[in-house]
Amino acid sequence: MPMSPLLNKRKPEEIELLNEALNHALNLVVVLDRNDPSKWRS
């Protein structure tokens, strides 16, 4: 299920918190942003 319909019912502040939480969770499991070469490991 796409996230967009779920986020339409949220306030902008809640969406920002969800984005921060997701980014934090992804960093914890070492998921790399493939669009940001500065984060790539050698």
N, C-alpha and C. Protein backbone atom coordinates (compact mmCIF):
# COMPACT_ATOMS: atom_id res chain seq x y z
N MET A 1 0.84 -1.18 0.00
CA MET A 1 0.00 0.00 0.00
C MET A 1 0.88 1.24 0.00
N PRO A 2 0.65 2.18 -0.89
CA PRO A 2 1.44 3.41 -0.91
C PRO A 2 1.23 4.23 0.37
N MET A 3 2.25 4.98 0.73
CA MET A 3 2.18 5.79 1.94
C MET A 3 1.35 7.05 1.76
N SER A 4 1.25 7.57 0.55
CA SER A 4 0.58 8.86 0.32
C SER A 4 -0.82 8.94 0.92
N PRO A 5 -1.70 7.96 0.70
CA PRO A 5 -3.04 8.06 1.29
C PRO A 5 -3.01 8.13 2.82
N LEU A 6 -2.05 7.46 3.42
CA LEU A 6 -1.95 7.49 4.88
C LEU A 6 -1.47 8.85 5.38
N LEU A 7 -0.58 9.48 4.63
CA LEU A 7 -0.02 10.76 5.05
C LEU A 7 -0.96 11.93 4.79
N ASN A 8 -1.92 11.76 3.89
CA ASN A 8 -2.85 12.86 3.59
C ASN A 8 -3.65 13.28 4.81
N LYS A 9 -3.82 12.38 5.76
CA LYS A 9 -4.63 12.65 6.94
C LYS A 9 -3.80 13.22 8.09
N ARG A 10 -2.52 13.42 7.88
CA ARG A 10 -1.62 13.88 8.93
C ARG A 10 -1.30 15.37 8.80
N LYS A 11 -0.98 15.99 9.93
CA LYS A 11 -0.55 17.39 9.94
C LYS A 11 0.89 17.44 9.44
N PRO A 12 1.32 18.59 8.88
CA PRO A 12 2.71 18.71 8.41
C PRO A 12 3.73 18.41 9.50
N GLU A 13 3.43 18.79 10.74
CA GLU A 13 4.38 18.51 11.83
C GLU A 13 4.53 17.01 12.07
N GLU A 14 3.42 16.29 11.95
CA GLU A 14 3.46 14.84 12.13
C GLU A 14 4.24 14.18 10.99
N ILE A 15 4.05 14.67 9.78
CA ILE A 15 4.78 14.11 8.64
C ILE A 15 6.27 14.33 8.81
N GLU A 16 6.65 15.51 9.29
CA GLU A 16 8.08 15.79 9.51
C GLU A 16 8.65 14.82 10.56
N LEU A 17 7.92 14.60 11.63
CA LEU A 17 8.38 13.66 12.66
C LEU A 17 8.50 12.24 12.11
N LEU A 18 7.53 11.84 11.29
CA LEU A 18 7.60 10.51 10.68
C LEU A 18 8.81 10.39 9.76
N ASN A 19 9.09 11.45 8.99
CA ASN A 19 10.26 11.45 8.11
C ASN A 19 11.55 11.34 8.91
N GLU A 20 11.64 12.09 10.00
CA GLU A 20 12.84 12.02 10.85
C GLU A 20 13.00 10.63 11.45
N ALA A 21 11.89 10.05 11.91
CA ALA A 21 11.95 8.71 12.50
C ALA A 21 12.38 7.67 11.46
N LEU A 22 11.84 7.78 10.25
CA LEU A 22 12.23 6.85 9.19
C LEU A 22 13.71 7.00 8.85
N ASN A 23 14.18 8.23 8.71
CA ASN A 23 15.59 8.45 8.42
C ASN A 23 16.47 7.89 9.52
N HIS A 24 16.07 8.08 10.76
CA HIS A 24 16.85 7.55 11.88
C HIS A 24 16.88 6.02 11.84
N ALA A 25 15.73 5.41 11.59
CA ALA A 25 15.67 3.94 11.52
C ALA A 25 16.53 3.41 10.38
N LEU A 26 16.49 4.08 9.23
CA LEU A 26 17.30 3.63 8.10
C LEU A 26 18.79 3.79 8.39
N ASN A 27 19.16 4.85 9.09
CA ASN A 27 20.57 5.02 9.47
C ASN A 27 21.01 3.94 10.43
N LEU A 28 20.13 3.51 11.32
CA LEU A 28 20.49 2.46 12.27
C LEU A 28 20.78 1.13 11.58
N VAL A 29 20.10 0.86 10.48
CA VAL A 29 20.34 -0.40 9.77
C VAL A 29 21.32 -0.20 8.61
N VAL A 30 21.96 0.95 8.57
CA VAL A 30 23.00 1.28 7.61
C VAL A 30 22.50 1.17 6.17
N VAL A 31 21.39 1.78 5.90
CA VAL A 31 20.90 1.87 4.53
C VAL A 31 21.47 3.15 3.94
N LEU A 32 22.11 3.03 2.80
CA LEU A 32 22.77 4.17 2.18
C LEU A 32 21.83 4.91 1.25
N ASP A 33 22.01 6.23 1.20
CA ASP A 33 21.31 7.05 0.21
C ASP A 33 22.11 6.96 -1.08
N ARG A 34 21.61 6.23 -2.05
CA ARG A 34 22.35 6.01 -3.29
C ARG A 34 22.50 7.28 -4.10
N ASN A 35 21.74 8.32 -3.79
CA ASN A 35 21.84 9.58 -4.50
C ASN A 35 22.84 10.53 -3.86
N ASP A 36 23.44 10.12 -2.75
CA ASP A 36 24.40 10.99 -2.04
C ASP A 36 25.76 10.29 -1.95
N PRO A 37 26.64 10.55 -2.92
CA PRO A 37 27.94 9.87 -2.93
C PRO A 37 28.79 10.13 -1.67
N SER A 38 28.55 11.23 -0.97
CA SER A 38 29.35 11.50 0.23
C SER A 38 29.07 10.50 1.33
N LYS A 39 27.96 9.76 1.25
CA LYS A 39 27.60 8.76 2.26
C LYS A 39 28.06 7.36 1.88
N TRP A 40 28.58 7.21 0.68
CA TRP A 40 29.02 5.89 0.23
C TRP A 40 30.25 5.46 1.01
N ARG A 41 30.33 4.18 1.27
CA ARG A 41 31.54 3.62 1.91
C ARG A 41 32.50 3.15 0.84
N SER A 42 33.78 3.19 1.17
CA SER A 42 34.75 2.67 0.19
C SER A 42 35.15 1.26 0.53
